[in-house]
Amino acid sequence: MLRIAALCLLLTIAGQTRAQEASPAPEGALYYTMTPDIITNYQHSGDQLGYIRVAVELMLERPEQMPLVERHMPLLRDAINSLLAEKNQQEIRSLAARTELASEGQRRLNDLLLKETGEAPIRRLLFTNFLYQ
């Protein structure tokens, strides 16, 4: 009796393991979190500089594109850093301008990746945390 119970338990575990291995990759969008947050300065007013810290999520088209984005992460971080540093106080603090900033960031990153890899995998750039001073 004990042998039959052990055999049933083994078969159940083996079946669950095979089912997990056979499950397909997730469909739809995939998110990549850029870590650590991006911290830079922007033109506050006159000669003063403001401080900005943003957390960025990239929405990718397919899971296969994750290694491509990871491989080029230094280039992508630099592009976002440069984009934020170019902006002035009005463009940083305005909600409408912030939405345009995310769209412009997506375009820049896709342009860079298109030049480097021939693909433009970023569907959307999201600022999940946006702090300025």
N, C-alpha and C. Protein backbone atom coordinates (compact mmCIF):
# COMPACT_ATOMS: atom_id res chain seq x y z
N MET A 1 0.82 -1.18 0.00
CA MET A 1 0.00 0.00 0.00
C MET A 1 0.87 1.26 0.00
N LEU A 2 1.92 1.25 0.80
CA LEU A 2 2.82 2.38 0.89
C LEU A 2 3.54 2.60 -0.44
N ARG A 3 3.89 1.50 -1.12
CA ARG A 3 4.56 1.60 -2.41
C ARG A 3 3.64 2.24 -3.46
N ILE A 4 2.39 1.88 -3.43
CA ILE A 4 1.43 2.44 -4.40
C ILE A 4 1.25 3.93 -4.15
N ALA A 5 1.16 4.33 -2.89
CA ALA A 5 1.02 5.75 -2.56
C ALA A 5 2.25 6.53 -3.00
N ALA A 6 3.45 5.98 -2.78
CA ALA A 6 4.70 6.64 -3.18
C ALA A 6 4.76 6.75 -4.71
N LEU A 7 4.34 5.70 -5.41
CA LEU A 7 4.35 5.72 -6.87
C LEU A 7 3.38 6.78 -7.40
N CYS A 8 2.19 6.86 -6.80
CA CYS A 8 1.21 7.88 -7.21
C CYS A 8 1.76 9.28 -6.99
N LEU A 9 2.43 9.48 -5.86
CA LEU A 9 3.01 10.79 -5.55
C LEU A 9 4.10 11.15 -6.56
N LEU A 10 4.95 10.20 -6.90
CA LEU A 10 6.01 10.43 -7.90
C LEU A 10 5.42 10.78 -9.26
N LEU A 11 4.41 10.05 -9.68
CA LEU A 11 3.79 10.31 -10.98
C LEU A 11 3.12 11.68 -11.01
N THR A 12 2.51 12.08 -9.92
CA THR A 12 1.88 13.40 -9.84
C THR A 12 2.91 14.51 -9.95
N ILE A 13 4.01 14.37 -9.23
CA ILE A 13 5.08 15.38 -9.28
C ILE A 13 5.70 15.45 -10.66
N ALA A 14 5.95 14.31 -11.28
CA ALA A 14 6.54 14.27 -12.62
C ALA A 14 5.59 14.92 -13.64
N GLY A 15 4.31 14.66 -13.51
CA GLY A 15 3.33 15.26 -14.43
C GLY A 15 3.26 16.77 -14.29
N GLN A 16 3.34 17.27 -13.06
CA GLN A 16 3.31 18.72 -12.84
C GLN A 16 4.56 19.38 -13.39
N THR A 17 5.70 18.73 -13.22
CA THR A 17 6.95 19.26 -13.74
C THR A 17 6.91 19.36 -15.26
N ARG A 18 6.41 18.32 -15.93
CA ARG A 18 6.30 18.35 -17.40
C ARG A 18 5.32 19.42 -17.85
N ALA A 19 4.25 19.61 -17.14
CA ALA A 19 3.26 20.63 -17.50
C ALA A 19 3.86 22.02 -17.37
N GLN A 20 4.68 22.26 -16.35
CA GLN A 20 5.32 23.55 -16.19
C GLN A 20 6.34 23.80 -17.28
N GLU A 21 7.09 22.77 -17.65
CA GLU A 21 8.10 22.91 -18.69
C GLU A 21 7.45 23.16 -20.05
N ALA A 22 6.29 22.59 -20.28
CA ALA A 22 5.64 22.70 -21.58
C ALA A 22 4.81 23.97 -21.72
N SER A 23 4.64 24.75 -20.65
CA SER A 23 3.81 25.95 -20.75
C SER A 23 4.48 26.96 -21.68
N PRO A 24 3.70 27.58 -22.56
CA PRO A 24 4.26 28.51 -23.53
C PRO A 24 4.70 29.81 -22.87
N ALA A 25 5.52 30.55 -23.58
CA ALA A 25 5.98 31.86 -23.10
C ALA A 25 4.78 32.80 -23.00
N PRO A 26 4.84 33.77 -22.10
CA PRO A 26 3.71 34.67 -21.95
C PRO A 26 3.43 35.48 -23.22
N GLU A 27 2.16 35.64 -23.52
CA GLU A 27 1.75 36.39 -24.69
C GLU A 27 1.65 37.88 -24.34
N GLY A 28 1.74 38.73 -25.33
CA GLY A 28 1.51 40.15 -25.12
C GLY A 28 2.75 40.88 -24.65
N ALA A 29 2.50 42.06 -24.12
CA ALA A 29 3.58 42.96 -23.72
C ALA A 29 4.37 42.42 -22.54
N LEU A 30 5.62 42.85 -22.48
CA LEU A 30 6.53 42.48 -21.41
C LEU A 30 7.18 43.77 -20.92
N TYR A 31 7.36 43.91 -19.63
CA TYR A 31 7.94 45.13 -19.07
C TYR A 31 9.35 44.89 -18.59
N TYR A 32 10.21 45.86 -18.88
CA TYR A 32 11.60 45.82 -18.42
C TYR A 32 11.83 47.05 -17.54
N THR A 33 12.27 46.82 -16.31
CA THR A 33 12.54 47.91 -15.38
C THR A 33 14.00 48.31 -15.49
N MET A 34 14.23 49.57 -15.78
CA MET A 34 15.60 50.07 -15.83
C MET A 34 16.04 50.35 -14.40
N THR A 35 17.07 49.63 -13.95
CA THR A 35 17.59 49.85 -12.61
C THR A 35 19.06 50.17 -12.68
N PRO A 36 19.56 51.02 -11.86
CA PRO A 36 18.87 51.86 -10.88
C PRO A 36 18.12 53.01 -11.57
N ASP A 37 17.41 53.81 -10.77
CA ASP A 37 16.71 54.98 -11.31
C ASP A 37 17.71 55.91 -11.98
N ILE A 38 17.21 56.71 -12.91
CA ILE A 38 18.05 57.68 -13.60
C ILE A 38 18.00 58.99 -12.83
N ILE A 39 19.17 59.51 -12.51
CA ILE A 39 19.28 60.75 -11.74
C ILE A 39 20.14 61.71 -12.55
N THR A 40 19.63 62.93 -12.77
CA THR A 40 20.38 63.92 -13.53
C THR A 40 19.92 65.32 -13.13
N ASN A 41 20.53 66.32 -13.74
CA ASN A 41 20.15 67.72 -13.53
C ASN A 41 19.45 68.25 -14.76
N TYR A 42 18.65 69.29 -14.56
CA TYR A 42 18.02 70.00 -15.67
C TYR A 42 18.14 71.49 -15.40
N GLN A 43 17.90 72.31 -16.42
CA GLN A 43 18.01 73.76 -16.30
C GLN A 43 16.81 74.28 -15.52
N HIS A 44 17.02 74.67 -14.26
CA HIS A 44 15.93 75.09 -13.37
C HIS A 44 15.49 76.51 -13.71
N SER A 45 16.31 77.48 -13.48
CA SER A 45 16.02 78.87 -13.85
C SER A 45 17.33 79.63 -13.87
N GLY A 46 17.53 80.35 -14.93
CA GLY A 46 18.80 81.08 -15.07
C GLY A 46 19.97 80.13 -15.07
N ASP A 47 20.88 80.36 -14.14
CA ASP A 47 22.07 79.52 -14.03
C ASP A 47 21.90 78.38 -13.04
N GLN A 48 20.74 78.30 -12.39
CA GLN A 48 20.52 77.25 -11.40
C GLN A 48 20.12 75.94 -12.08
N LEU A 49 20.56 74.87 -11.46
CA LEU A 49 20.20 73.55 -11.96
C LEU A 49 19.16 72.92 -11.04
N GLY A 50 18.25 72.19 -11.63
CA GLY A 50 17.30 71.40 -10.86
C GLY A 50 17.75 69.95 -10.84
N TYR A 51 17.15 69.19 -9.98
CA TYR A 51 17.50 67.79 -9.80
C TYR A 51 16.30 66.95 -10.17
N ILE A 52 16.52 65.86 -10.91
CA ILE A 52 15.42 64.98 -11.28
C ILE A 52 15.85 63.52 -11.12
N ARG A 53 14.91 62.74 -10.62
CA ARG A 53 15.12 61.30 -10.46
C ARG A 53 13.89 60.60 -11.03
N VAL A 54 14.11 59.69 -11.99
CA VAL A 54 12.99 58.99 -12.61
C VAL A 54 13.23 57.48 -12.59
N ALA A 55 12.13 56.75 -12.40
CA ALA A 55 12.13 55.30 -12.56
C ALA A 55 11.47 55.03 -13.91
N VAL A 56 12.09 54.21 -14.72
CA VAL A 56 11.63 53.98 -16.09
C VAL A 56 11.30 52.51 -16.31
N GLU A 57 10.15 52.28 -16.93
CA GLU A 57 9.73 50.94 -17.37
C GLU A 57 9.62 50.98 -18.89
N LEU A 58 10.13 49.96 -19.55
CA LEU A 58 10.01 49.85 -21.00
C LEU A 58 9.05 48.71 -21.32
N MET A 59 8.03 49.01 -22.10
CA MET A 59 7.11 47.97 -22.56
C MET A 59 7.64 47.44 -23.89
N LEU A 60 7.93 46.14 -23.91
CA LEU A 60 8.49 45.51 -25.10
C LEU A 60 7.41 44.73 -25.83
N GLU A 61 7.62 44.55 -27.12
CA GLU A 61 6.67 43.82 -27.96
C GLU A 61 6.64 42.33 -27.66
N ARG A 62 7.84 41.72 -27.55
CA ARG A 62 7.93 40.27 -27.39
C ARG A 62 9.02 39.90 -26.38
N PRO A 63 8.87 38.77 -25.71
CA PRO A 63 9.88 38.34 -24.72
C PRO A 63 11.28 38.14 -25.32
N GLU A 64 11.36 37.77 -26.59
CA GLU A 64 12.67 37.54 -27.22
C GLU A 64 13.50 38.81 -27.31
N GLN A 65 12.87 39.96 -27.16
CA GLN A 65 13.58 41.23 -27.30
C GLN A 65 14.26 41.67 -26.00
N MET A 66 13.98 40.98 -24.91
CA MET A 66 14.58 41.34 -23.62
C MET A 66 16.11 41.32 -23.66
N PRO A 67 16.77 40.28 -24.19
CA PRO A 67 18.24 40.29 -24.23
C PRO A 67 18.80 41.44 -25.08
N LEU A 68 18.09 41.80 -26.14
CA LEU A 68 18.52 42.90 -26.99
C LEU A 68 18.54 44.21 -26.20
N VAL A 69 17.50 44.46 -25.43
CA VAL A 69 17.43 45.67 -24.62
C VAL A 69 18.49 45.65 -23.53
N GLU A 70 18.65 44.51 -22.88
CA GLU A 70 19.66 44.40 -21.82
C GLU A 70 21.06 44.63 -22.34
N ARG A 71 21.35 44.12 -23.52
CA ARG A 71 22.68 44.26 -24.12
C ARG A 71 23.02 45.73 -24.41
N HIS A 72 22.01 46.52 -24.74
CA HIS A 72 22.23 47.92 -25.10
C HIS A 72 21.80 48.90 -24.00
N MET A 73 21.67 48.42 -22.79
CA MET A 73 21.19 49.25 -21.70
C MET A 73 22.05 50.49 -21.43
N PRO A 74 23.38 50.42 -21.47
CA PRO A 74 24.16 51.65 -21.25
C PRO A 74 23.82 52.74 -22.27
N LEU A 75 23.64 52.36 -23.51
CA LEU A 75 23.28 53.31 -24.57
C LEU A 75 21.90 53.92 -24.30
N LEU A 76 20.95 53.09 -23.88
CA LEU A 76 19.59 53.55 -23.61
C LEU A 76 19.54 54.47 -22.39
N ARG A 77 20.27 54.12 -21.35
CA ARG A 77 20.31 54.97 -20.15
C ARG A 77 20.90 56.33 -20.47
N ASP A 78 21.95 56.34 -21.27
CA ASP A 78 22.58 57.61 -21.65
C ASP A 78 21.61 58.47 -22.46
N ALA A 79 20.84 57.87 -23.33
CA ALA A 79 19.89 58.62 -24.15
C ALA A 79 18.81 59.27 -23.27
N ILE A 80 18.30 58.55 -22.28
CA ILE A 80 17.29 59.12 -21.40
C ILE A 80 17.90 60.20 -20.52
N ASN A 81 19.10 59.96 -20.04
CA ASN A 81 19.80 60.96 -19.23
C ASN A 81 19.99 62.26 -20.02
N SER A 82 20.42 62.14 -21.26
CA SER A 82 20.61 63.32 -22.12
C SER A 82 19.30 64.03 -22.41
N LEU A 83 18.26 63.27 -22.66
CA LEU A 83 16.94 63.84 -22.93
C LEU A 83 16.45 64.68 -21.75
N LEU A 84 16.57 64.15 -20.56
CA LEU A 84 16.13 64.87 -19.36
C LEU A 84 16.97 66.11 -19.10
N ALA A 85 18.28 66.01 -19.34
CA ALA A 85 19.18 67.14 -19.10
C ALA A 85 18.92 68.29 -20.07
N GLU A 86 18.35 68.01 -21.24
CA GLU A 86 18.05 69.04 -22.23
C GLU A 86 16.83 69.89 -21.87
N LYS A 87 16.00 69.39 -20.97
CA LYS A 87 14.72 70.04 -20.69
C LYS A 87 14.86 71.14 -19.66
N ASN A 88 13.92 72.09 -19.69
CA ASN A 88 13.92 73.18 -18.72
C ASN A 88 12.85 72.92 -17.65
N GLN A 89 12.72 73.85 -16.74
CA GLN A 89 11.81 73.69 -15.61
C GLN A 89 10.36 73.48 -16.06
N GLN A 90 9.90 74.23 -17.03
CA GLN A 90 8.53 74.10 -17.53
C GLN A 90 8.27 72.71 -18.10
N GLU A 91 9.22 72.21 -18.86
CA GLU A 91 9.05 70.91 -19.50
C GLU A 91 9.12 69.75 -18.50
N ILE A 92 9.82 69.94 -17.42
CA ILE A 92 9.92 68.89 -16.40
C ILE A 92 8.68 68.88 -15.52
N ARG A 93 8.20 70.04 -15.15
CA ARG A 93 7.12 70.13 -14.15
C ARG A 93 5.71 70.04 -14.74
N SER A 94 5.56 70.22 -16.02
CA SER A 94 4.24 70.17 -16.65
C SER A 94 3.84 68.72 -16.92
N LEU A 95 2.62 68.35 -16.54
CA LEU A 95 2.14 66.98 -16.75
C LEU A 95 2.00 66.67 -18.25
N ALA A 96 1.48 67.63 -19.01
CA ALA A 96 1.33 67.43 -20.45
C ALA A 96 2.70 67.28 -21.12
N ALA A 97 3.66 68.10 -20.71
CA ALA A 97 5.00 68.01 -21.28
C ALA A 97 5.67 66.71 -20.87
N ARG A 98 5.35 66.21 -19.70
CA ARG A 98 5.93 64.95 -19.23
C ARG A 98 5.46 63.79 -20.10
N THR A 99 4.20 63.83 -20.52
CA THR A 99 3.68 62.79 -21.41
C THR A 99 4.41 62.85 -22.75
N GLU A 100 4.64 64.05 -23.25
CA GLU A 100 5.40 64.21 -24.49
C GLU A 100 6.85 63.76 -24.31
N LEU A 101 7.38 64.00 -23.12
CA LEU A 101 8.74 63.57 -22.80
C LEU A 101 8.87 62.04 -22.89
N ALA A 102 7.88 61.33 -22.39
CA ALA A 102 7.89 59.86 -22.47
C ALA A 102 7.82 59.41 -23.93
N SER A 103 6.98 60.07 -24.72
CA SER A 103 6.88 59.71 -26.15
C SER A 103 8.18 60.00 -26.89
N GLU A 104 8.78 61.13 -26.57
CA GLU A 104 10.06 61.48 -27.21
C GLU A 104 11.15 60.49 -26.79
N GLY A 105 11.13 60.09 -25.53
CA GLY A 105 12.10 59.09 -25.06
C GLY A 105 11.95 57.77 -25.78
N GLN A 106 10.71 57.34 -25.97
CA GLN A 106 10.46 56.09 -26.70
C GLN A 106 11.00 56.19 -28.13
N ARG A 107 10.72 57.31 -28.79
CA ARG A 107 11.22 57.49 -30.16
C ARG A 107 12.75 57.45 -30.21
N ARG A 108 13.39 58.14 -29.28
CA ARG A 108 14.86 58.16 -29.27
C ARG A 108 15.44 56.78 -29.04
N LEU A 109 14.88 56.06 -28.07
CA LEU A 109 15.41 54.72 -27.79
C LEU A 109 15.20 53.78 -28.96
N ASN A 110 14.03 53.84 -29.58
CA ASN A 110 13.77 52.98 -30.74
C ASN A 110 14.68 53.36 -31.91
N ASP A 111 14.94 54.66 -32.11
CA ASP A 111 15.85 55.09 -33.18
C ASP A 111 17.26 54.54 -32.94
N LEU A 112 17.72 54.63 -31.69
CA LEU A 112 19.04 54.09 -31.37
C LEU A 112 19.12 52.59 -31.59
N LEU A 113 18.11 51.88 -31.12
CA LEU A 113 18.11 50.43 -31.28
C LEU A 113 17.97 50.02 -32.74
N LEU A 114 17.22 50.80 -33.51
CA LEU A 114 17.07 50.51 -34.93
C LEU A 114 18.42 50.64 -35.65
N LYS A 115 19.19 51.67 -35.29
CA LYS A 115 20.53 51.85 -35.88
C LYS A 115 21.47 50.72 -35.48
N GLU A 116 21.40 50.30 -34.22
CA GLU A 116 22.32 49.29 -33.71
C GLU A 116 21.94 47.86 -34.08
N THR A 117 20.64 47.56 -34.07
CA THR A 117 20.22 46.16 -34.20
C THR A 117 19.26 45.90 -35.35
N GLY A 118 18.67 46.95 -35.91
CA GLY A 118 17.67 46.75 -36.96
C GLY A 118 16.28 46.50 -36.43
N GLU A 119 16.10 46.61 -35.11
CA GLU A 119 14.78 46.41 -34.49
C GLU A 119 14.42 47.61 -33.64
N ALA A 120 13.11 47.85 -33.53
CA ALA A 120 12.58 48.91 -32.66
C ALA A 120 11.58 48.25 -31.71
N PRO A 121 12.06 47.64 -30.62
CA PRO A 121 11.21 46.79 -29.78
C PRO A 121 10.36 47.52 -28.74
N ILE A 122 10.63 48.78 -28.48
CA ILE A 122 9.96 49.46 -27.37
C ILE A 122 8.61 49.99 -27.81
N ARG A 123 7.56 49.43 -27.23
CA ARG A 123 6.20 49.85 -27.55
C ARG A 123 5.84 51.13 -26.80
N ARG A 124 6.35 51.24 -25.56
CA ARG A 124 6.01 52.41 -24.74
C ARG A 124 7.06 52.59 -23.66
N LEU A 125 7.34 53.85 -23.31
CA LEU A 125 8.21 54.19 -22.21
C LEU A 125 7.34 54.79 -21.12
N LEU A 126 7.47 54.28 -19.90
CA LEU A 126 6.65 54.74 -18.78
C LEU A 126 7.54 55.27 -17.67
N PHE A 127 7.19 56.44 -17.14
CA PHE A 127 7.84 56.96 -15.95
C PHE A 127 6.99 56.51 -14.77
N THR A 128 7.49 55.57 -13.98
CA THR A 128 6.72 55.07 -12.86
C THR A 128 6.98 55.85 -11.58
N ASN A 129 8.04 56.62 -11.58
CA ASN A 129 8.35 57.51 -10.47
C ASN A 129 9.04 58.72 -11.07
N PHE A 130 8.59 59.90 -10.72
CA PHE A 130 9.10 61.13 -11.35
C PHE A 130 9.25 62.19 -10.26
N LEU A 131 10.45 62.35 -9.75
CA LEU A 131 10.71 63.31 -8.67
C LEU A 131 11.61 64.43 -9.18
N TYR A 132 11.25 65.64 -8.88
CA TYR A 132 12.09 66.78 -9.26
C TYR A 132 12.16 67.76 -8.12
N GLN A 133 13.22 68.56 -8.15
CA GLN A 133 13.42 69.56 -7.12
C GLN A 133 13.99 70.81 -7.74
